[in-house]
Amino acid sequence: MSSAIVLSLTKYSDTGSIAHLYTAEHGRMQYAIYGNKYKGILRPLSIVEFTATRRNNAPNQLATLSNCQLSFVNSRLSTDVQRQCVAMFIAEILIVTLRHPMSDQPLFDWLCELVKHLDTDTDVRNLHLHFLIEYANHLGIGIDDTEHPEWYELPASRKERQQRLREICAYYEEHIEDFRQPKSLDVLMEVFD
């Protein structure tokens, strides 16, 4: 079985969907799913174990998820709206920035730890900010703490958190080609309002 972090699930017909996963072995990959078999567990940032098969060994066809199960149960993530919003935001950032099937085991391991913190930490109001700052290092666009020392400090207020989030997203937009602001950004700010 292979390990993966769920980025998104896209429905493309009445009976079919495409699962966008970040895998430990191959980086970002897409897999076909028929029916509603795994819909309940393929939520943004779920950590799963899976197997995939190809029909008739067709190399140009998407592999199909043939077995999928949670490898880490996100008990609080499934019931907490704030955690769900943070998960959607992080997944959107990953979708925009992880574009190629390329393995990066340290990044995969770090993301798995982040998902566990999202489920276990008592306060997740700043987790998305920490994610953006650390993730910039993984992307090779590290944020200089002498140029932006305030980004490394804990925000004192909701307004400061929102401002910092917009500034860091603008930094990503400046340093990553075709980066777009996540749709969940406004929802995230509203939830932590």
Protein backbone atom coordinates (compact mmCIF):
# COMPACT_ATOMS: atom_id res chain seq x y z
CA MET A 1 0.00 0.00 0.00
CA SER A 2 1.07 3.58 -0.67
CA SER A 3 0.69 6.59 1.62
CA ALA A 4 -0.85 9.89 0.56
CA ILE A 5 -2.33 13.17 1.74
CA VAL A 6 -5.63 14.09 0.12
CA LEU A 7 -5.61 17.45 -1.67
CA SER A 8 -9.06 17.39 -3.24
CA LEU A 9 -11.78 15.27 -4.78
CA THR A 10 -13.29 16.45 -8.08
CA LYS A 11 -16.54 14.97 -9.37
CA TYR A 12 -16.54 14.58 -13.17
CA SER A 13 -19.67 12.48 -13.75
CA ASP A 14 -22.61 11.00 -11.87
CA THR A 15 -20.55 7.97 -10.89
CA GLY A 16 -16.95 9.12 -11.21
CA SER A 17 -14.53 11.38 -9.39
CA ILE A 18 -10.83 12.18 -9.51
CA ALA A 19 -8.83 12.11 -6.30
CA HIS A 20 -5.88 14.52 -6.22
CA LEU A 21 -3.34 13.11 -3.78
CA TYR A 22 0.16 14.00 -2.66
CA THR A 23 1.91 10.66 -2.36
CA ALA A 24 5.08 9.72 -0.51
CA GLU A 25 6.43 7.76 -3.48
CA HIS A 26 5.50 9.84 -6.52
CA GLY A 27 4.50 13.33 -5.36
CA ARG A 28 1.26 14.76 -6.72
CA MET A 29 -0.90 12.19 -8.51
CA GLN A 30 -4.47 11.77 -9.72
CA TYR A 31 -6.59 8.65 -9.41
CA ALA A 32 -10.02 7.73 -10.75
CA ILE A 33 -12.77 6.66 -8.38
CA TYR A 34 -16.01 5.06 -9.49
CA GLY A 35 -19.06 5.31 -7.27
CA ASN A 36 -19.08 6.89 -3.80
CA LYS A 37 -16.81 4.25 -2.34
CA TYR A 38 -14.25 6.46 -0.59
CA LYS A 39 -16.04 9.82 -0.59
CA GLY A 40 -16.31 9.88 3.21
CA ILE A 41 -12.56 9.56 3.82
CA LEU A 42 -11.16 11.58 0.90
CA ARG A 43 -11.47 14.98 2.57
CA PRO A 44 -8.77 17.68 2.28
CA LEU A 45 -5.66 16.75 4.30
CA SER A 46 -6.79 13.24 5.21
CA ILE A 47 -3.82 10.88 5.43
CA VAL A 48 -4.63 7.64 3.63
CA GLU A 49 -3.13 4.30 2.65
CA PHE A 50 -4.19 3.05 -0.78
CA THR A 51 -3.59 0.74 -3.70
CA ALA A 52 -4.28 1.62 -7.32
CA THR A 53 -4.76 -0.44 -10.45
CA ARG A 54 -4.76 0.28 -14.18
CA ARG A 55 -7.28 -1.31 -16.50
CA ASN A 56 -5.56 -3.59 -18.96
CA ASN A 57 -2.23 -1.92 -18.06
CA ALA A 58 -3.23 1.12 -20.15
CA PRO A 59 -0.40 3.65 -19.58
CA ASN A 60 -2.46 6.65 -20.79
CA GLN A 61 -5.35 5.99 -18.47
CA LEU A 62 -5.68 7.19 -14.87
CA ALA A 63 -5.09 4.48 -12.32
CA THR A 64 -8.15 3.62 -10.25
CA LEU A 65 -8.17 3.57 -6.46
CA SER A 66 -8.91 -0.03 -5.64
CA ASN A 67 -8.43 0.13 -1.88
CA CYS A 68 -8.27 3.19 0.36
CA GLN A 69 -8.35 3.64 4.13
CA LEU A 70 -7.42 6.28 6.66
CA SER A 71 -3.98 5.84 8.17
CA PHE A 72 -4.56 8.66 10.67
CA VAL A 73 -8.01 9.40 12.05
CA ASN A 74 -8.58 13.15 12.16
CA SER A 75 -11.26 13.06 14.86
CA ARG A 76 -11.41 16.81 15.53
CA LEU A 77 -10.88 17.80 11.92
CA SER A 78 -14.13 16.14 10.88
CA THR A 79 -16.23 18.06 13.44
CA ASP A 80 -14.51 21.44 13.93
CA VAL A 81 -15.31 24.20 11.41
CA GLN A 82 -12.14 26.19 12.15
CA ARG A 83 -9.95 23.14 11.55
CA GLN A 84 -11.84 22.32 8.35
CA CYS A 85 -11.26 25.86 7.04
CA VAL A 86 -7.54 25.67 7.83
CA ALA A 87 -7.39 22.27 6.09
CA MET A 88 -9.14 23.63 2.99
CA PHE A 89 -6.79 26.62 2.87
CA ILE A 90 -3.64 24.49 3.23
CA ALA A 91 -4.92 21.99 0.64
CA GLU A 92 -5.59 24.84 -1.81
CA ILE A 93 -2.06 26.18 -1.34
CA LEU A 94 -0.68 22.68 -1.95
CA ILE A 95 -2.82 22.24 -5.08
CA VAL A 96 -1.49 25.49 -6.56
CA THR A 97 2.16 24.84 -5.67
CA LEU A 98 2.59 21.05 -6.01
CA ARG A 99 2.14 20.73 -9.74
CA HIS A 100 4.36 17.83 -10.76
CA PRO A 101 4.64 14.16 -9.88
CA MET A 102 7.92 14.33 -7.99
CA SER A 103 8.73 12.53 -4.76
CA ASP A 104 9.88 14.58 -1.75
CA GLN A 105 9.87 12.37 1.35
CA PRO A 106 10.93 15.13 3.81
CA LEU A 107 8.08 17.36 2.57
CA PHE A 108 5.61 14.47 2.80
CA ASP A 109 6.71 13.66 6.35
CA TRP A 110 6.50 17.33 7.37
CA LEU A 111 2.98 17.64 5.91
CA CYS A 112 1.87 14.51 7.81
CA GLU A 113 3.11 16.07 11.06
CA LEU A 114 1.28 19.30 10.20
CA VAL A 115 -1.98 17.37 9.67
CA LYS A 116 -1.54 15.71 13.06
CA HIS A 117 -1.01 19.11 14.70
CA LEU A 118 -4.15 20.38 12.98
CA ASP A 119 -6.06 17.60 14.70
CA THR A 120 -4.36 17.63 18.11
CA ASP A 121 -3.37 21.26 18.87
CA THR A 122 -5.81 23.08 21.12
CA ASP A 123 -5.44 26.40 19.28
CA VAL A 124 -5.15 26.39 15.46
CA ARG A 125 -5.72 30.12 14.83
CA ASN A 126 -2.13 30.62 13.63
CA LEU A 127 -1.38 27.19 12.17
CA HIS A 128 -1.94 28.36 8.59
CA LEU A 129 0.56 31.22 9.12
CA HIS A 130 3.19 28.82 10.47
CA PHE A 131 2.47 26.52 7.54
CA LEU A 132 3.02 29.30 4.96
CA ILE A 133 6.32 30.39 6.53
CA GLU A 134 7.73 26.85 6.84
CA TYR A 135 6.37 25.70 3.49
CA ALA A 136 8.16 28.59 1.75
CA ASN A 137 11.43 26.90 2.79
CA HIS A 138 10.35 23.62 1.19
CA LEU A 139 9.52 25.50 -2.00
CA GLY A 140 12.92 27.20 -2.10
CA ILE A 141 11.49 30.70 -1.57
CA GLY A 142 12.25 30.93 2.15
CA ILE A 143 11.09 34.07 3.95
CA ASP A 144 14.03 36.02 5.36
CA ASP A 145 13.43 36.66 9.07
CA THR A 146 15.56 39.81 8.93
CA GLU A 147 13.47 41.23 6.09
CA HIS A 148 10.12 40.24 7.65
CA PRO A 149 10.78 39.65 11.38
CA GLU A 150 7.14 40.44 12.27
CA TRP A 151 5.95 37.40 10.29
CA TYR A 152 7.76 35.16 12.77
CA GLU A 153 5.99 36.65 15.79
CA LEU A 154 2.64 35.52 17.14
CA PRO A 155 -0.11 37.89 15.93
CA ALA A 156 -1.52 39.96 18.78
CA SER A 157 -4.99 40.45 17.28
CA ARG A 158 -7.41 39.23 14.64
CA LYS A 159 -6.66 42.27 12.48
CA GLU A 160 -2.90 41.61 12.70
CA ARG A 161 -3.46 37.93 11.80
CA GLN A 162 -5.51 38.90 8.74
CA GLN A 163 -2.96 41.49 7.62
CA ARG A 164 -0.08 39.03 7.99
CA LEU A 165 -1.97 36.37 6.05
CA ARG A 166 -2.57 38.77 3.16
CA GLU A 167 1.10 39.87 3.18
CA ILE A 168 2.43 36.29 3.14
CA CYS A 169 0.02 35.30 0.36
CA ALA A 170 1.24 38.34 -1.60
CA TYR A 171 4.81 37.13 -1.02
CA TYR A 172 3.87 33.73 -2.49
CA GLU A 173 2.20 35.45 -5.43
CA GLU A 174 5.37 37.44 -6.07
CA HIS A 175 7.70 34.41 -5.88
CA ILE A 176 5.67 31.59 -7.46
CA GLU A 177 4.68 31.68 -11.10
CA ASP A 178 0.90 31.37 -11.67
CA PHE A 179 0.18 31.46 -7.95
CA ARG A 180 -3.38 32.55 -7.24
CA GLN A 181 -5.01 33.59 -4.00
CA PRO A 182 -6.87 30.63 -2.48
CA LYS A 183 -10.66 30.83 -2.69
CA SER A 184 -10.82 29.76 0.95
CA LEU A 185 -8.82 32.80 2.11
CA ASP A 186 -11.90 34.98 2.78
CA VAL A 187 -13.73 32.09 4.45
CA LEU A 188 -10.72 31.44 6.67
CA MET A 189 -10.59 35.08 7.75
CA GLU A 190 -14.31 35.11 8.48
CA VAL A 191 -14.19 31.93 10.57
CA PHE A 192 -11.44 33.37 12.78
CA ASP A 193 -13.25 36.73 13.03
